[in-house]
Amino acid sequence: MWLRNSFVMDTLTAYQEVVDFIAAGTTPRNVVDFRPSDESQERVSDLLFREKNGEITPDERSELDHYMQIEHLIRLAKAKAREYLANE
């Protein structure tokens, strides 16, 4: 059960970073410059390593899927922000 709780906490932390960023208000430049925390980046790197080496658990796979969804959303936002900046 600890792994499951850790998964929930790690995923919530990643979502919370994005929510805090949006809630604080932003500009297209800030969206383009947004980077996840070192902690989130390290966690994703670890999960990708475990996946590559066939060591990932089902809970970790689910966690990685959530991180990939967040990354996809951020990439879309960055692309749109770049369009706004190009049209200024």
N, C-alpha and C. Protein backbone atom coordinates (compact mmCIF):
# COMPACT_ATOMS: atom_id res chain seq x y z
N MET A 1 0.81 -1.20 0.00
CA MET A 1 0.00 0.00 0.00
C MET A 1 0.86 1.26 0.00
N TRP A 2 2.07 1.20 0.56
CA TRP A 2 2.93 2.37 0.58
C TRP A 2 3.22 2.87 -0.82
N LEU A 3 3.49 1.95 -1.77
CA LEU A 3 3.77 2.37 -3.13
C LEU A 3 2.59 3.12 -3.72
N ARG A 4 1.41 2.65 -3.46
CA ARG A 4 0.21 3.30 -3.98
C ARG A 4 0.09 4.71 -3.41
N ASN A 5 0.31 4.87 -2.11
CA ASN A 5 0.24 6.19 -1.50
C ASN A 5 1.35 7.10 -2.02
N SER A 6 2.53 6.56 -2.24
CA SER A 6 3.63 7.33 -2.80
C SER A 6 3.28 7.79 -4.21
N PHE A 7 2.69 6.91 -4.99
CA PHE A 7 2.26 7.24 -6.35
C PHE A 7 1.27 8.40 -6.32
N VAL A 8 0.30 8.33 -5.44
CA VAL A 8 -0.71 9.38 -5.34
C VAL A 8 -0.05 10.70 -4.95
N MET A 9 0.86 10.67 -3.98
CA MET A 9 1.52 11.90 -3.54
C MET A 9 2.39 12.48 -4.64
N ASP A 10 3.16 11.66 -5.35
CA ASP A 10 4.02 12.15 -6.42
C ASP A 10 3.19 12.75 -7.54
N THR A 11 2.14 12.09 -7.92
CA THR A 11 1.29 12.58 -9.00
C THR A 11 0.60 13.87 -8.59
N LEU A 12 0.09 13.92 -7.37
CA LEU A 12 -0.56 15.13 -6.89
C LEU A 12 0.42 16.29 -6.85
N THR A 13 1.67 16.03 -6.49
CA THR A 13 2.69 17.07 -6.48
C THR A 13 2.87 17.64 -7.88
N ALA A 14 2.94 16.80 -8.87
CA ALA A 14 3.11 17.26 -10.25
C ALA A 14 1.91 18.08 -10.70
N TYR A 15 0.71 17.59 -10.41
CA TYR A 15 -0.48 18.35 -10.76
C TYR A 15 -0.52 19.67 -10.01
N GLN A 16 -0.14 19.65 -8.74
CA GLN A 16 -0.16 20.87 -7.94
C GLN A 16 0.79 21.92 -8.48
N GLU A 17 1.95 21.51 -8.99
CA GLU A 17 2.89 22.46 -9.60
C GLU A 17 2.22 23.20 -10.75
N VAL A 18 1.51 22.47 -11.59
CA VAL A 18 0.85 23.08 -12.75
C VAL A 18 -0.30 23.97 -12.29
N VAL A 19 -1.09 23.50 -11.36
CA VAL A 19 -2.21 24.29 -10.84
C VAL A 19 -1.70 25.58 -10.21
N ASP A 20 -0.67 25.51 -9.40
CA ASP A 20 -0.10 26.70 -8.77
C ASP A 20 0.39 27.69 -9.83
N PHE A 21 1.04 27.17 -10.85
CA PHE A 21 1.55 28.02 -11.94
C PHE A 21 0.41 28.76 -12.62
N ILE A 22 -0.65 28.05 -12.95
CA ILE A 22 -1.79 28.67 -13.62
C ILE A 22 -2.50 29.65 -12.69
N ALA A 23 -2.72 29.25 -11.46
CA ALA A 23 -3.46 30.08 -10.52
C ALA A 23 -2.75 31.39 -10.20
N ALA A 24 -1.43 31.40 -10.26
CA ALA A 24 -0.67 32.60 -9.96
C ALA A 24 -0.79 33.64 -11.07
N GLY A 25 -1.38 33.26 -12.18
CA GLY A 25 -1.45 34.16 -13.33
C GLY A 25 -0.18 34.03 -14.13
N THR A 26 -0.28 34.24 -15.39
CA THR A 26 0.89 34.00 -16.22
C THR A 26 0.83 34.84 -17.48
N THR A 27 1.89 34.74 -18.23
CA THR A 27 2.00 35.40 -19.53
C THR A 27 2.45 34.34 -20.52
N PRO A 28 2.31 34.61 -21.82
CA PRO A 28 2.82 33.64 -22.79
C PRO A 28 4.31 33.33 -22.58
N ARG A 29 5.11 34.35 -22.23
CA ARG A 29 6.54 34.12 -22.00
C ARG A 29 6.77 33.19 -20.82
N ASN A 30 5.99 33.36 -19.75
CA ASN A 30 6.13 32.48 -18.59
C ASN A 30 5.73 31.05 -18.92
N VAL A 31 4.74 30.88 -19.77
CA VAL A 31 4.33 29.53 -20.18
C VAL A 31 5.47 28.87 -20.94
N VAL A 32 6.06 29.60 -21.88
CA VAL A 32 7.18 29.05 -22.66
C VAL A 32 8.35 28.68 -21.74
N ASP A 33 8.58 29.49 -20.71
CA ASP A 33 9.72 29.27 -19.82
C ASP A 33 9.44 28.27 -18.69
N PHE A 34 8.19 27.84 -18.54
CA PHE A 34 7.83 26.94 -17.44
C PHE A 34 8.64 25.65 -17.48
N ARG A 35 9.14 25.24 -16.33
CA ARG A 35 9.87 23.98 -16.17
C ARG A 35 9.36 23.30 -14.90
N PRO A 36 9.20 21.99 -14.94
CA PRO A 36 8.80 21.28 -13.73
C PRO A 36 9.93 21.31 -12.70
N SER A 37 9.57 21.04 -11.47
CA SER A 37 10.56 21.04 -10.40
C SER A 37 11.61 19.95 -10.64
N ASP A 38 12.74 20.12 -10.01
CA ASP A 38 13.80 19.09 -10.08
C ASP A 38 13.27 17.76 -9.57
N GLU A 39 12.46 17.81 -8.51
CA GLU A 39 11.89 16.59 -7.94
C GLU A 39 11.03 15.84 -8.96
N SER A 40 10.19 16.57 -9.67
CA SER A 40 9.35 15.92 -10.69
C SER A 40 10.19 15.37 -11.83
N GLN A 41 11.17 16.14 -12.27
CA GLN A 41 12.04 15.68 -13.35
C GLN A 41 12.79 14.42 -12.97
N GLU A 42 13.28 14.38 -11.73
CA GLU A 42 14.00 13.19 -11.26
C GLU A 42 13.08 11.98 -11.19
N ARG A 43 11.84 12.20 -10.74
CA ARG A 43 10.90 11.09 -10.63
C ARG A 43 10.58 10.52 -12.01
N VAL A 44 10.34 11.39 -12.98
CA VAL A 44 10.05 10.93 -14.34
C VAL A 44 11.25 10.18 -14.91
N SER A 45 12.44 10.70 -14.69
CA SER A 45 13.66 10.02 -15.16
C SER A 45 13.76 8.63 -14.57
N ASP A 46 13.49 8.52 -13.28
CA ASP A 46 13.53 7.22 -12.61
C ASP A 46 12.50 6.26 -13.20
N LEU A 47 11.29 6.76 -13.40
CA LEU A 47 10.24 5.91 -13.96
C LEU A 47 10.58 5.46 -15.38
N LEU A 48 11.12 6.37 -16.17
CA LEU A 48 11.51 6.01 -17.54
C LEU A 48 12.63 4.97 -17.53
N PHE A 49 13.58 5.12 -16.63
CA PHE A 49 14.66 4.14 -16.49
C PHE A 49 14.09 2.77 -16.13
N ARG A 50 13.17 2.77 -15.15
CA ARG A 50 12.58 1.50 -14.70
C ARG A 50 11.77 0.87 -15.83
N GLU A 51 11.07 1.70 -16.60
CA GLU A 51 10.29 1.17 -17.72
C GLU A 51 11.23 0.56 -18.77
N LYS A 52 12.27 1.28 -19.11
CA LYS A 52 13.23 0.81 -20.12
C LYS A 52 13.86 -0.52 -19.74
N ASN A 53 14.08 -0.72 -18.43
CA ASN A 53 14.73 -1.93 -17.95
C ASN A 53 13.75 -3.01 -17.51
N GLY A 54 12.48 -2.81 -17.78
CA GLY A 54 11.47 -3.82 -17.46
C GLY A 54 11.23 -3.99 -15.97
N GLU A 55 11.51 -2.95 -15.18
CA GLU A 55 11.38 -3.04 -13.73
C GLU A 55 10.19 -2.25 -13.19
N ILE A 56 9.36 -1.72 -14.07
CA ILE A 56 8.28 -0.83 -13.63
C ILE A 56 7.08 -1.64 -13.16
N THR A 57 6.50 -1.20 -12.06
CA THR A 57 5.30 -1.87 -11.53
C THR A 57 4.06 -1.27 -12.20
N PRO A 58 2.93 -1.94 -12.08
CA PRO A 58 1.69 -1.37 -12.65
C PRO A 58 1.37 0.02 -12.07
N ASP A 59 1.56 0.21 -10.77
CA ASP A 59 1.31 1.53 -10.17
C ASP A 59 2.26 2.59 -10.74
N GLU A 60 3.52 2.21 -10.91
CA GLU A 60 4.49 3.14 -11.47
C GLU A 60 4.17 3.45 -12.93
N ARG A 61 3.69 2.46 -13.66
CA ARG A 61 3.29 2.69 -15.05
C ARG A 61 2.14 3.70 -15.11
N SER A 62 1.20 3.55 -14.21
CA SER A 62 0.08 4.50 -14.14
C SER A 62 0.58 5.89 -13.79
N GLU A 63 1.50 5.96 -12.85
CA GLU A 63 2.09 7.25 -12.47
C GLU A 63 2.79 7.89 -13.67
N LEU A 64 3.56 7.10 -14.40
CA LEU A 64 4.25 7.61 -15.57
C LEU A 64 3.25 8.11 -16.61
N ASP A 65 2.16 7.39 -16.78
CA ASP A 65 1.12 7.83 -17.72
C ASP A 65 0.57 9.19 -17.33
N HIS A 66 0.38 9.42 -16.03
CA HIS A 66 -0.10 10.73 -15.57
C HIS A 66 0.93 11.82 -15.88
N TYR A 67 2.19 11.54 -15.62
CA TYR A 67 3.22 12.52 -15.95
C TYR A 67 3.23 12.83 -17.44
N MET A 68 3.04 11.82 -18.26
CA MET A 68 3.03 12.03 -19.71
C MET A 68 1.84 12.88 -20.14
N GLN A 69 0.68 12.70 -19.48
CA GLN A 69 -0.48 13.53 -19.77
C GLN A 69 -0.21 14.99 -19.42
N ILE A 70 0.41 15.20 -18.27
CA ILE A 70 0.76 16.56 -17.85
C ILE A 70 1.73 17.17 -18.86
N GLU A 71 2.73 16.39 -19.25
CA GLU A 71 3.71 16.89 -20.21
C GLU A 71 3.04 17.26 -21.53
N HIS A 72 2.12 16.45 -21.98
CA HIS A 72 1.41 16.73 -23.23
C HIS A 72 0.64 18.04 -23.13
N LEU A 73 -0.06 18.24 -22.03
CA LEU A 73 -0.81 19.47 -21.82
C LEU A 73 0.12 20.69 -21.81
N ILE A 74 1.24 20.58 -21.14
CA ILE A 74 2.19 21.68 -21.08
C ILE A 74 2.77 21.97 -22.47
N ARG A 75 3.07 20.93 -23.23
CA ARG A 75 3.59 21.14 -24.59
C ARG A 75 2.58 21.88 -25.46
N LEU A 76 1.30 21.51 -25.34
CA LEU A 76 0.26 22.21 -26.10
C LEU A 76 0.19 23.67 -25.68
N ALA A 77 0.24 23.93 -24.38
CA ALA A 77 0.19 25.30 -23.88
C ALA A 77 1.40 26.10 -24.37
N LYS A 78 2.57 25.48 -24.37
CA LYS A 78 3.76 26.17 -24.83
C LYS A 78 3.68 26.50 -26.32
N ALA A 79 3.14 25.58 -27.09
CA ALA A 79 2.99 25.84 -28.54
C ALA A 79 2.05 27.02 -28.77
N LYS A 80 0.95 27.06 -28.04
CA LYS A 80 0.00 28.16 -28.18
C LYS A 80 0.64 29.46 -27.70
N ALA A 81 1.39 29.42 -26.62
CA ALA A 81 2.07 30.62 -26.11
C ALA A 81 3.07 31.15 -27.12
N ARG A 82 3.77 30.24 -27.79
CA ARG A 82 4.73 30.68 -28.83
C ARG A 82 4.00 31.37 -29.98
N GLU A 83 2.80 30.88 -30.33
CA GLU A 83 2.00 31.55 -31.37
C GLU A 83 1.65 32.97 -30.93
N TYR A 84 1.20 33.11 -29.67
CA TYR A 84 0.88 34.45 -29.17
C TYR A 84 2.10 35.38 -29.24
N LEU A 85 3.25 34.87 -28.84
CA LEU A 85 4.46 35.69 -28.86
C LEU A 85 4.86 36.07 -30.28
N ALA A 86 4.69 35.14 -31.21
CA ALA A 86 5.05 35.42 -32.60
C ALA A 86 4.15 36.48 -33.22
N ASN A 87 2.93 36.60 -32.71
CA ASN A 87 1.96 37.56 -33.27
C ASN A 87 1.94 38.90 -32.53
N GLU A 88 2.82 39.07 -31.57
CA GLU A 88 2.86 40.35 -30.84
C GLU A 88 3.45 41.44 -31.68
